Amino acid sequence: MGARRARSLRDARRRAYGQNFLASRAIAAQLVRQAKVGRGDLVLEIGAGNGILTAELARQARRVFAVEIDPVWVARLRERFAGSAFERGKLARLQNGTRQPSFR
């Protein structure tokens, strides 16, 4: 598959899910500071996407539940956080848009 075709499929998926991604760690940190997320907080993040905000939330909150509907991004998030302290204790299971998410 050519690069143009791959880009076209990726763009179609982004439009289908209405995806826009935060790309700046500095902005993610600023958002978390302004939201006053603290050590005792439990956070539900809808649309975890590329995980930039997820990682910053996990640094500050007691626990983060990350929900992502796009199976491609769910796989990337699982890979990104595999084996990390985030995965073991601070991030709950990443869900891929199931109707009955499990927060075990």
PDB file of N, CA and C in Angstrom:
ATOM      1  N   MET A   1       0.844  -1.168   0.000  1.00  0.00           N
ATOM      2  CA  MET A   1       0.000   0.000   0.000  1.00  0.00           C
ATOM      3  C   MET A   1       0.892   1.235   0.000  1.00  0.00           C
ATOM      4  N   GLY A   2       0.571   2.171  -0.864  1.00  0.00           N
ATOM      5  CA  GLY A   2       1.363   3.381  -0.958  1.00  0.00           C
ATOM      6  C   GLY A   2       1.130   4.312   0.217  1.00  0.00           C
ATOM      7  N   ALA A   3       2.070   5.246   0.378  1.00  0.00           N
ATOM      8  CA  ALA A   3       1.993   6.195   1.488  1.00  0.00           C
ATOM      9  C   ALA A   3       0.723   7.048   1.402  1.00  0.00           C
ATOM     10  N   ARG A   4       0.368   7.432   0.180  1.00  0.00           N
ATOM     11  CA  ARG A   4      -0.830   8.261   0.005  1.00  0.00           C
ATOM     12  C   ARG A   4      -2.089   7.492   0.416  1.00  0.00           C
ATOM     13  N   ARG A   5      -2.161   6.220   0.041  1.00  0.00           N
ATOM     14  CA  ARG A   5      -3.326   5.383   0.402  1.00  0.00           C
ATOM     15  C   ARG A   5      -3.396   5.174   1.919  1.00  0.00           C
ATOM     16  N   ALA A   6      -2.266   4.911   2.558  1.00  0.00           N
ATOM     17  CA  ALA A   6      -2.233   4.718   4.013  1.00  0.00           C
ATOM     18  C   ALA A   6      -2.679   5.990   4.722  1.00  0.00           C
ATOM     19  N   ARG A   7      -2.207   7.138   4.240  1.00  0.00           N
ATOM     20  CA  ARG A   7      -2.582   8.413   4.843  1.00  0.00           C
ATOM     21  C   ARG A   7      -4.079   8.657   4.670  1.00  0.00           C
ATOM     22  N   SER A   8      -4.624   8.309   3.512  1.00  0.00           N
ATOM     23  CA  SER A   8      -6.038   8.485   3.249  1.00  0.00           C
ATOM     24  C   SER A   8      -6.887   7.627   4.192  1.00  0.00           C
ATOM     25  N   LEU A   9      -6.484   6.377   4.431  1.00  0.00           N
ATOM     26  CA  LEU A   9      -7.210   5.506   5.354  1.00  0.00           C
ATOM     27  C   LEU A   9      -7.128   6.027   6.780  1.00  0.00           C
ATOM     28  N   ARG A  10      -5.939   6.496   7.189  1.00  0.00           N
ATOM     29  CA  ARG A  10      -5.769   7.060   8.522  1.00  0.00           C
ATOM     30  C   ARG A  10      -6.654   8.288   8.697  1.00  0.00           C
ATOM     31  N   ASP A  11      -6.686   9.163   7.696  1.00  0.00           N
ATOM     32  CA  ASP A  11      -7.499  10.366   7.786  1.00  0.00           C
ATOM     33  C   ASP A  11      -8.986  10.031   7.825  1.00  0.00           C
ATOM     34  N   ALA A  12      -9.408   9.010   7.092  1.00  0.00           N
ATOM     35  CA  ALA A  12     -10.813   8.588   7.116  1.00  0.00           C
ATOM     36  C   ALA A  12     -11.189   8.086   8.504  1.00  0.00           C
ATOM     37  N   ARG A  13     -10.299   7.317   9.145  1.00  0.00           N
ATOM     38  CA  ARG A  13     -10.568   6.809  10.499  1.00  0.00           C
ATOM     39  C   ARG A  13     -10.651   7.985  11.479  1.00  0.00           C
ATOM     40  N   ARG A  14      -9.743   8.949  11.356  1.00  0.00           N
ATOM     41  CA  ARG A  14      -9.777  10.115  12.248  1.00  0.00           C
ATOM     42  C   ARG A  14     -11.087  10.869  12.102  1.00  0.00           C
ATOM     43  N   ARG A  15     -11.571  11.021  10.877  1.00  0.00           N
ATOM     44  CA  ARG A  15     -12.845  11.709  10.678  1.00  0.00           C
ATOM     45  C   ARG A  15     -13.995  10.901  11.262  1.00  0.00           C
ATOM     46  N   ALA A  16     -13.947   9.588  11.118  1.00  0.00           N
ATOM     47  CA  ALA A  16     -15.018   8.732  11.635  1.00  0.00           C
ATOM     48  C   ALA A  16     -15.122   8.826  13.150  1.00  0.00           C
ATOM     49  N   TYR A  17     -13.997   8.931  13.827  1.00  0.00           N
ATOM     50  CA  TYR A  17     -13.982   9.007  15.284  1.00  0.00           C
ATOM     51  C   TYR A  17     -13.899  10.439  15.803  1.00  0.00           C
ATOM     52  N   GLY A  18     -13.781  11.415  14.919  1.00  0.00           N
ATOM     53  CA  GLY A  18     -13.671  12.813  15.346  1.00  0.00           C
ATOM     54  C   GLY A  18     -12.417  13.065  16.167  1.00  0.00           C
ATOM     55  N   GLN A  19     -11.295  12.497  15.744  1.00  0.00           N
ATOM     56  CA  GLN A  19     -10.070  12.551  16.534  1.00  0.00           C
ATOM     57  C   GLN A  19      -9.244  13.805  16.270  1.00  0.00           C
ATOM     58  N   ASN A  20      -8.780  14.385  17.360  1.00  0.00           N
ATOM     59  CA  ASN A  20      -7.802  15.467  17.364  1.00  0.00           C
ATOM     60  C   ASN A  20      -6.862  15.166  18.515  1.00  0.00           C
ATOM     61  N   PHE A  21      -5.556  15.294  18.290  1.00  0.00           N
ATOM     62  CA  PHE A  21      -4.601  14.845  19.292  1.00  0.00           C
ATOM     63  C   PHE A  21      -3.777  15.985  19.864  1.00  0.00           C
ATOM     64  N   LEU A  22      -3.628  15.945  21.174  1.00  0.00           N
ATOM     65  CA  LEU A  22      -2.734  16.854  21.870  1.00  0.00           C
ATOM     66  C   LEU A  22      -1.311  16.379  21.587  1.00  0.00           C
ATOM     67  N   ALA A  23      -0.443  17.280  21.192  1.00  0.00           N
ATOM     68  CA  ALA A  23       0.916  16.887  20.827  1.00  0.00           C
ATOM     69  C   ALA A  23       1.979  17.447  21.770  1.00  0.00           C
ATOM     70  N   SER A  24       1.606  18.346  22.639  1.00  0.00           N
ATOM     71  CA  SER A  24       2.588  19.029  23.481  1.00  0.00           C
ATOM     72  C   SER A  24       2.517  18.535  24.925  1.00  0.00           C
ATOM     73  N   ARG A  25       3.638  18.007  25.408  1.00  0.00           N
ATOM     74  CA  ARG A  25       3.710  17.596  26.818  1.00  0.00           C
ATOM     75  C   ARG A  25       3.588  18.807  27.745  1.00  0.00           C
ATOM     76  N   ALA A  26       4.126  19.924  27.315  1.00  0.00           N
ATOM     77  CA  ALA A  26       4.050  21.143  28.133  1.00  0.00           C
ATOM     78  C   ALA A  26       2.600  21.588  28.312  1.00  0.00           C
ATOM     79  N   ILE A  27       1.821  21.526  27.243  1.00  0.00           N
ATOM     80  CA  ILE A  27       0.407  21.902  27.340  1.00  0.00           C
ATOM     81  C   ILE A  27      -0.348  20.893  28.195  1.00  0.00           C
ATOM     82  N   ALA A  28      -0.025  19.594  28.058  1.00  0.00           N
ATOM     83  CA  ALA A  28      -0.660  18.569  28.896  1.00  0.00           C
ATOM     84  C   ALA A  28      -0.384  18.855  30.370  1.00  0.00           C
ATOM     85  N   ALA A  29       0.850  19.180  30.701  1.00  0.00           N
ATOM     86  CA  ALA A  29       1.219  19.491  32.090  1.00  0.00           C
ATOM     87  C   ALA A  29       0.465  20.723  32.584  1.00  0.00           C
ATOM     88  N   GLN A  30       0.353  21.719  31.727  1.00  0.00           N
ATOM     89  CA  GLN A  30      -0.363  22.937  32.094  1.00  0.00           C
ATOM     90  C   GLN A  30      -1.845  22.637  32.342  1.00  0.00           C
ATOM     91  N   LEU A  31      -2.460  21.817  31.493  1.00  0.00           N
ATOM     92  CA  LEU A  31      -3.870  21.446  31.672  1.00  0.00           C
ATOM     93  C   LEU A  31      -4.092  20.737  33.002  1.00  0.00           C
ATOM     94  N   VAL A  32      -3.194  19.812  33.331  1.00  0.00           N
ATOM     95  CA  VAL A  32      -3.319  19.061  34.578  1.00  0.00           C
ATOM     96  C   VAL A  32      -3.132  19.986  35.781  1.00  0.00           C
ATOM     97  N   ARG A  33      -2.176  20.901  35.691  1.00  0.00           N
ATOM     98  CA  ARG A  33      -1.979  21.881  36.776  1.00  0.00           C
ATOM     99  C   ARG A  33      -3.217  22.756  36.955  1.00  0.00           C
ATOM    100  N   GLN A  34      -3.740  23.265  35.841  1.00  0.00           N
ATOM    101  CA  GLN A  34      -4.905  24.155  35.917  1.00  0.00           C
ATOM    102  C   GLN A  34      -6.149  23.430  36.418  1.00  0.00           C
ATOM    103  N   ALA A  35      -6.239  22.125  36.145  1.00  0.00           N
ATOM    104  CA  ALA A  35      -7.368  21.332  36.637  1.00  0.00           C
ATOM    105  C   ALA A  35      -7.181  20.958  38.110  1.00  0.00           C
ATOM    106  N   LYS A  36      -5.987  21.246  38.626  1.00  0.00           N
ATOM    107  CA  LYS A  36      -5.659  20.960  40.030  1.00  0.00           C
ATOM    108  C   LYS A  36      -5.821  19.482  40.371  1.00  0.00           C
ATOM    109  N   VAL A  37      -5.345  18.626  39.460  1.00  0.00           N
ATOM    110  CA  VAL A  37      -5.357  17.182  39.698  1.00  0.00           C
ATOM    111  C   VAL A  37      -4.329  16.887  40.778  1.00  0.00           C
ATOM    112  N   GLY A  38      -4.750  16.160  41.813  1.00  0.00           N
ATOM    113  CA  GLY A  38      -3.862  15.894  42.932  1.00  0.00           C
ATOM    114  C   GLY A  38      -3.646  14.415  43.180  1.00  0.00           C
ATOM    115  N   ARG A  39      -2.768  14.120  44.127  1.00  0.00           N
ATOM    116  CA  ARG A  39      -2.365  12.746  44.447  1.00  0.00           C
ATOM    117  C   ARG A  39      -3.524  11.834  44.834  1.00  0.00           C
ATOM    118  N   GLY A  40      -4.575  12.377  45.391  1.00  0.00           N
ATOM    119  CA  GLY A  40      -5.696  11.544  45.821  1.00  0.00           C
ATOM    120  C   GLY A  40      -6.797  11.409  44.793  1.00  0.00           C
ATOM    121  N   ASP A  41      -6.634  12.027  43.631  1.00  0.00           N
ATOM    122  CA  ASP A  41      -7.716  12.061  42.647  1.00  0.00           C
ATOM    123  C   ASP A  41      -7.801  10.800  41.791  1.00  0.00           C
ATOM    124  N   LEU A  42      -9.029  10.477  41.456  1.00  0.00           N
ATOM    125  CA  LEU A  42      -9.348   9.413  40.519  1.00  0.00           C
ATOM    126  C   LEU A  42      -9.841  10.115  39.261  1.00  0.00           C
ATOM    127  N   VAL A  43      -9.206   9.853  38.113  1.00  0.00           N
ATOM    128  CA  VAL A  43      -9.512  10.592  36.887  1.00  0.00           C
ATOM    129  C   VAL A  43     -10.017   9.629  35.814  1.00  0.00           C
ATOM    130  N   LEU A  44     -11.081  10.032  35.127  1.00  0.00           N
ATOM    131  CA  LEU A  44     -11.590   9.306  33.966  1.00  0.00           C
ATOM    132  C   LEU A  44     -11.260  10.136  32.743  1.00  0.00           C
ATOM    133  N   GLU A  45     -10.439   9.577  31.869  1.00  0.00           N
ATOM    134  CA  GLU A  45     -10.068  10.282  30.633  1.00  0.00           C
ATOM    135  C   GLU A  45     -10.790   9.626  29.472  1.00  0.00           C
ATOM    136  N   ILE A  46     -11.656  10.384  28.818  1.00  0.00           N
ATOM    137  CA  ILE A  46     -12.401   9.889  27.664  1.00  0.00           C
ATOM    138  C   ILE A  46     -11.639  10.309  26.415  1.00  0.00           C
ATOM    139  N   GLY A  47     -11.242   9.334  25.608  1.00  0.00           N
ATOM    140  CA  GLY A  47     -10.489   9.625  24.395  1.00  0.00           C
ATOM    141  C   GLY A  47      -9.018   9.820  24.673  1.00  0.00           C
ATOM    142  N   ALA A  48      -8.368   8.775  25.144  1.00  0.00           N
ATOM    143  CA  ALA A  48      -6.958   8.866  25.544  1.00  0.00           C
ATOM    144  C   ALA A  48      -6.015   9.113  24.368  1.00  0.00           C
ATOM    145  N   GLY A  49      -6.420   8.739  23.172  1.00  0.00           N
ATOM    146  CA  GLY A  49      -5.627   9.032  21.972  1.00  0.00           C
ATOM    147  C   GLY A  49      -4.193   8.565  22.054  1.00  0.00           C
ATOM    148  N   ASN A  50      -3.259   9.495  21.904  1.00  0.00           N
ATOM    149  CA  ASN A  50      -1.839   9.146  21.877  1.00  0.00           C
ATOM    150  C   ASN A  50      -1.217   9.034  23.267  1.00  0.00           C
ATOM    151  N   GLY A  51      -1.965   9.344  24.315  1.00  0.00           N
ATOM    152  CA  GLY A  51      -1.490   9.126  25.677  1.00  0.00           C
ATOM    153  C   GLY A  51      -0.687  10.257  26.290  1.00  0.00           C
ATOM    154  N   ILE A  52      -0.550  11.369  25.608  1.00  0.00           N
ATOM    155  CA  ILE A  52       0.234  12.482  26.164  1.00  0.00           C
ATOM    156  C   ILE A  52      -0.422  13.017  27.435  1.00  0.00           C
ATOM    157  N   LEU A  53      -1.718  13.269  27.380  1.00  0.00           N
ATOM    158  CA  LEU A  53      -2.420  13.737  28.569  1.00  0.00           C
ATOM    159  C   LEU A  53      -2.533  12.613  29.602  1.00  0.00           C
ATOM    160  N   THR A  54      -2.729  11.390  29.151  1.00  0.00           N
ATOM    161  CA  THR A  54      -2.827  10.229  30.040  1.00  0.00           C
ATOM    162  C   THR A  54      -1.588  10.120  30.928  1.00  0.00           C
ATOM    163  N   ALA A  55      -0.416  10.237  30.326  1.00  0.00           N
ATOM    164  CA  ALA A  55       0.836  10.120  31.077  1.00  0.00           C
ATOM    165  C   ALA A  55       0.956  11.223  32.122  1.00  0.00           C
ATOM    166  N   GLU A  56       0.591  12.433  31.750  1.00  0.00           N
ATOM    167  CA  GLU A  56       0.682  13.547  32.705  1.00  0.00           C
ATOM    168  C   GLU A  56      -0.332  13.377  33.828  1.00  0.00           C
ATOM    169  N   LEU A  57      -1.531  12.939  33.502  1.00  0.00           N
ATOM    170  CA  LEU A  57      -2.536  12.679  34.535  1.00  0.00           C
ATOM    171  C   LEU A  57      -2.037  11.602  35.499  1.00  0.00           C
ATOM    172  N   ALA A  58      -1.438  10.561  34.949  1.00  0.00           N
ATOM    173  CA  ALA A  58      -0.954   9.451  35.784  1.00  0.00           C
ATOM    174  C   ALA A  58       0.186   9.884  36.701  1.00  0.00           C
ATOM    175  N   ARG A  59       0.957  10.881  36.290  1.00  0.00           N
ATOM    176  CA  ARG A  59       2.022  11.397  37.155  1.00  0.00           C
ATOM    177  C   ARG A  59       1.452  12.085  38.399  1.00  0.00           C
ATOM    178  N   GLN A  60       0.261  12.658  38.262  1.00  0.00           N
ATOM    179  CA  GLN A  60      -0.300  13.477  39.333  1.00  0.00           C
ATOM    180  C   GLN A  60      -1.411  12.787  40.124  1.00  0.00           C
ATOM    181  N   ALA A  61      -2.254  12.016  39.473  1.00  0.00           N
ATOM    182  CA  ALA A  61      -3.443  11.444  40.111  1.00  0.00           C
ATOM    183  C   ALA A  61      -3.131  10.119  40.800  1.00  0.00           C
ATOM    184  N   ARG A  62      -4.028   9.738  41.698  1.00  0.00           N
ATOM    185  CA  ARG A  62      -3.909   8.434  42.340  1.00  0.00           C
ATOM    186  C   ARG A  62      -4.130   7.330  41.308  1.00  0.00           C
ATOM    187  N   ARG A  63      -5.144   7.519  40.442  1.00  0.00           N
ATOM    188  CA  ARG A  63      -5.443   6.511  39.438  1.00  0.00           C
ATOM    189  C   ARG A  63      -6.119   7.171  38.256  1.00  0.00           C
ATOM    190  N   VAL A  64      -5.851   6.653  37.056  1.00  0.00           N
ATOM    191  CA  VAL A  64      -6.442   7.169  35.829  1.00  0.00           C
ATOM    192  C   VAL A  64      -7.100   6.024  35.090  1.00  0.00           C
ATOM    193  N   PHE A  65      -8.367   6.203  34.730  1.00  0.00           N
ATOM    194  CA  PHE A  65      -9.065   5.267  33.864  1.00  0.00           C
ATOM    195  C   PHE A  65      -9.071   5.889  32.475  1.00  0.00           C
ATOM    196  N   ALA A  66      -8.391   5.250  31.543  1.00  0.00           N
ATOM    197  CA  ALA A  66      -8.290   5.778  30.182  1.00  0.00           C
ATOM    198  C   ALA A  66      -9.211   4.977  29.270  1.00  0.00           C
ATOM    199  N   VAL A  67     -10.087   5.677  28.553  1.00  0.00           N
ATOM    200  CA  VAL A  67     -11.026   5.043  27.632  1.00  0.00           C
ATOM    201  C   VAL A  67     -10.725   5.554  26.229  1.00  0.00           C
ATOM    202  N   GLU A  68     -10.570   4.622  25.300  1.00  0.00           N
ATOM    203  CA  GLU A  68     -10.305   4.978  23.904  1.00  0.00           C
ATOM    204  C   GLU A  68     -11.133   4.062  23.015  1.00  0.00           C
ATOM    205  N   ILE A  69     -11.843   4.633  22.048  1.00  0.00           N
ATOM    206  CA  ILE A  69     -12.731   3.862  21.191  1.00  0.00           C
ATOM    207  C   ILE A  69     -12.019   3.252  19.970  1.00  0.00           C
ATOM    208  N   ASP A  70     -10.964   3.892  19.513  1.00  0.00           N
ATOM    209  CA  ASP A  70     -10.258   3.447  18.304  1.00  0.00           C
ATOM    210  C   ASP A  70      -9.312   2.301  18.649  1.00  0.00           C
ATOM    211  N   PRO A  71      -9.556   1.096  18.104  1.00  0.00           N
ATOM    212  CA  PRO A  71      -8.716  -0.056  18.445  1.00  0.00           C
ATOM    213  C   PRO A  71      -7.241   0.127  18.078  1.00  0.00           C
ATOM    214  N   VAL A  72      -6.945   0.931  17.077  1.00  0.00           N
ATOM    215  CA  VAL A  72      -5.553   1.196  16.711  1.00  0.00           C
ATOM    216  C   VAL A  72      -4.857   1.944  17.847  1.00  0.00           C
ATOM    217  N   TRP A  73      -5.527   2.951  18.413  1.00  0.00           N
ATOM    218  CA  TRP A  73      -4.929   3.717  19.504  1.00  0.00           C
ATOM    219  C   TRP A  73      -4.913   2.935  20.806  1.00  0.00           C
ATOM    220  N   VAL A  74      -5.898   2.063  21.015  1.00  0.00           N
ATOM    221  CA  VAL A  74      -5.865   1.212  22.210  1.00  0.00           C
ATOM    222  C   VAL A  74      -4.595   0.363  22.187  1.00  0.00           C
ATOM    223  N   ALA A  75      -4.302  -0.242  21.034  1.00  0.00           N
ATOM    224  CA  ALA A  75      -3.091  -1.071  20.916  1.00  0.00           C
ATOM    225  C   ALA A  75      -1.835  -0.232  21.146  1.00  0.00           C
ATOM    226  N   ARG A  76      -1.793   0.974  20.598  1.00  0.00           N
ATOM    227  CA  ARG A  76      -0.620   1.844  20.782  1.00  0.00           C
ATOM    228  C   ARG A  76      -0.462   2.274  22.238  1.00  0.00           C
ATOM    229  N   LEU A  77      -1.573   2.569  22.895  1.00  0.00           N
ATOM    230  CA  LEU A  77      -1.512   2.946  24.306  1.00  0.00           C
ATOM    231  C   LEU A  77      -1.026   1.788  25.166  1.00  0.00           C
ATOM    232  N   ARG A  78      -1.532   0.597  24.897  1.00  0.00           N
ATOM    233  CA  ARG A  78      -1.079  -0.576  25.651  1.00  0.00           C
ATOM    234  C   ARG A  78       0.415  -0.784  25.460  1.00  0.00           C
ATOM    235  N   GLU A  79       0.878  -0.604  24.236  1.00  0.00           N
ATOM    236  CA  GLU A  79       2.315  -0.751  23.959  1.00  0.00           C
ATOM    237  C   GLU A  79       3.118   0.349  24.660  1.00  0.00           C
ATOM    238  N   ARG A  80       2.622   1.563  24.595  1.00  0.00           N
ATOM    239  CA  ARG A  80       3.333   2.694  25.207  1.00  0.00           C
ATOM    240  C   ARG A  80       3.499   2.517  26.714  1.00  0.00           C
ATOM    241  N   PHE A  81       2.469   2.015  27.374  1.00  0.00           N
ATOM    242  CA  PHE A  81       2.496   1.909  28.828  1.00  0.00           C
ATOM    243  C   PHE A  81       2.822   0.507  29.335  1.00  0.00           C
ATOM    244  N   ALA A  82       3.134  -0.421  28.440  1.00  0.00           N
ATOM    245  CA  ALA A  82       3.428  -1.798  28.847  1.00  0.00           C
ATOM    246  C   ALA A  82       4.611  -1.854  29.799  1.00  0.00           C
ATOM    247  N   GLY A  83       4.403  -2.512  30.933  1.00  0.00           N
ATOM    248  CA  GLY A  83       5.486  -2.714  31.876  1.00  0.00           C
ATOM    249  C   GLY A  83       5.859  -1.496  32.698  1.00  0.00           C
ATOM    250  N   SER A  84       5.206  -0.375  32.474  1.00  0.00           N
ATOM    251  CA  SER A  84       5.559   0.837  33.214  1.00  0.00           C
ATOM    252  C   SER A  84       4.835   0.869  34.553  1.00  0.00           C
ATOM    253  N   ALA A  85       5.287   1.742  35.411  1.00  0.00           N
ATOM    254  CA  ALA A  85       4.612   1.936  36.698  1.00  0.00           C
ATOM    255  C   ALA A  85       3.176   2.396  36.461  1.00  0.00           C
ATOM    256  N   PHE A  86       2.957   3.114  35.368  1.00  0.00           N
ATOM    257  CA  PHE A  86       1.613   3.564  35.052  1.00  0.00           C
ATOM    258  C   PHE A  86       0.700   2.362  34.859  1.00  0.00           C
ATOM    259  N   GLU A  87       1.173   1.384  34.059  1.00  0.00           N
ATOM    260  CA  GLU A  87       0.336   0.223  33.773  1.00  0.00           C
ATOM    261  C   GLU A  87       0.083  -0.592  35.032  1.00  0.00           C
ATOM    262  N   ARG A  88       1.086  -0.768  35.848  1.00  0.00           N
ATOM    263  CA  ARG A  88       0.963  -1.644  37.015  1.00  0.00           C
ATOM    264  C   ARG A  88       0.059  -1.085  38.105  1.00  0.00           C
ATOM    265  N   GLY A  89       0.048   0.224  38.294  1.00  0.00           N
ATOM    266  CA  GLY A  89      -0.706   0.717  39.428  1.00  0.00           C
ATOM    267  C   GLY A  89      -1.569   1.923  39.178  1.00  0.00           C
ATOM    268  N   LYS A  90      -1.136   2.798  38.293  1.00  0.00           N
ATOM    269  CA  LYS A  90      -1.824   4.076  38.185  1.00  0.00           C
ATOM    270  C   LYS A  90      -2.826   4.138  37.041  1.00  0.00           C
ATOM    271  N   LEU A  91      -2.627   3.328  36.011  1.00  0.00           N
ATOM    272  CA  LEU A  91      -3.576   3.316  34.902  1.00  0.00           C
ATOM    273  C   LEU A  91      -4.443   2.071  35.008  1.00  0.00           C
ATOM    274  N   ALA A  92      -5.731   2.255  34.878  1.00  0.00           N
ATOM    275  CA  ALA A  92      -6.635   1.113  34.831  1.00  0.00           C
ATOM    276  C   ALA A  92      -6.594   0.532  33.422  1.00  0.00           C
ATOM    277  N   ARG A  93      -7.315  -0.533  33.232  1.00  0.00           N
ATOM    278  CA  ARG A  93      -7.336  -1.151  31.904  1.00  0.00           C
ATOM    279  C   ARG A  93      -7.789  -0.146  30.846  1.00  0.00           C
ATOM    280  N   LEU A  94      -7.118  -0.184  29.719  1.00  0.00           N
ATOM    281  CA  LEU A  94      -7.509   0.661  28.600  1.00  0.00           C
ATOM    282  C   LEU A  94      -8.641  -0.034  27.852  1.00  0.00           C
ATOM    283  N   GLN A  95      -9.712   0.658  27.672  1.00  0.00           N
ATOM    284  CA  GLN A  95     -10.884   0.075  27.028  1.00  0.00           C
ATOM    285  C   GLN A  95     -10.967   0.533  25.580  1.00  0.00           C
ATOM    286  N   ASN A  96     -11.606  -0.300  24.765  1.00  0.00           N
ATOM    287  CA  ASN A  96     -11.718   0.036  23.351  1.00  0.00           C
ATOM    288  C   ASN A  96     -13.170   0.233  22.933  1.00  0.00           C
ATOM    289  N   GLY A  97     -13.915   0.968  23.738  1.00  0.00           N
ATOM    290  CA  GLY A  97     -15.257   1.349  23.336  1.00  0.00           C
ATOM    291  C   GLY A  97     -16.321   0.300  23.608  1.00  0.00           C
ATOM    292  N   THR A  98     -16.065  -0.662  24.485  1.00  0.00           N
ATOM    293  CA  THR A  98     -17.086  -1.638  24.815  1.00  0.00           C
ATOM    294  C   THR A  98     -18.208  -0.944  25.572  1.00  0.00           C
ATOM    295  N   ARG A  99     -19.400  -1.492  25.498  1.00  0.00           N
ATOM    296  CA  ARG A  99     -20.537  -0.881  26.183  1.00  0.00           C
ATOM    297  C   ARG A  99     -20.443  -1.030  27.696  1.00  0.00           C
ATOM    298  N   GLN A 100     -19.786  -2.073  28.160  1.00  0.00           N
ATOM    299  CA  GLN A 100     -19.663  -2.303  29.595  1.00  0.00           C
ATOM    300  C   GLN A 100     -18.196  -2.373  29.958  1.00  0.00           C
ATOM    301  N   PRO A 101     -17.547  -1.218  30.126  1.00  0.00           N
ATOM    302  CA  PRO A 101     -16.118  -1.242  30.438  1.00  0.00           C
ATOM    303  C   PRO A 101     -15.838  -1.896  31.783  1.00  0.00           C
ATOM    304  N   SER A 102     -14.717  -2.571  31.862  1.00  0.00           N
ATOM    305  CA  SER A 102     -14.294  -3.202  33.098  1.00  0.00           C
ATOM    306  C   SER A 102     -13.192  -2.375  33.709  1.00  0.00           C
ATOM    307  N   PHE A 103     -13.348  -1.988  34.953  1.00  0.00           N
ATOM    308  CA  PHE A 103     -12.343  -1.182  35.631  1.00  0.00           C
ATOM    309  C   PHE A 103     -11.576  -2.008  36.653  1.00  0.00           C
ATOM    310  N   ARG A 104     -11.337  -3.264  36.374  1.00  0.00           N
ATOM    311  CA  ARG A 104     -10.561  -4.143  37.261  1.00  0.00           C
ATOM    312  C   ARG A 104      -9.109  -3.799  37.222  1.00  0.00           C
TER     313      ARG A 104
END
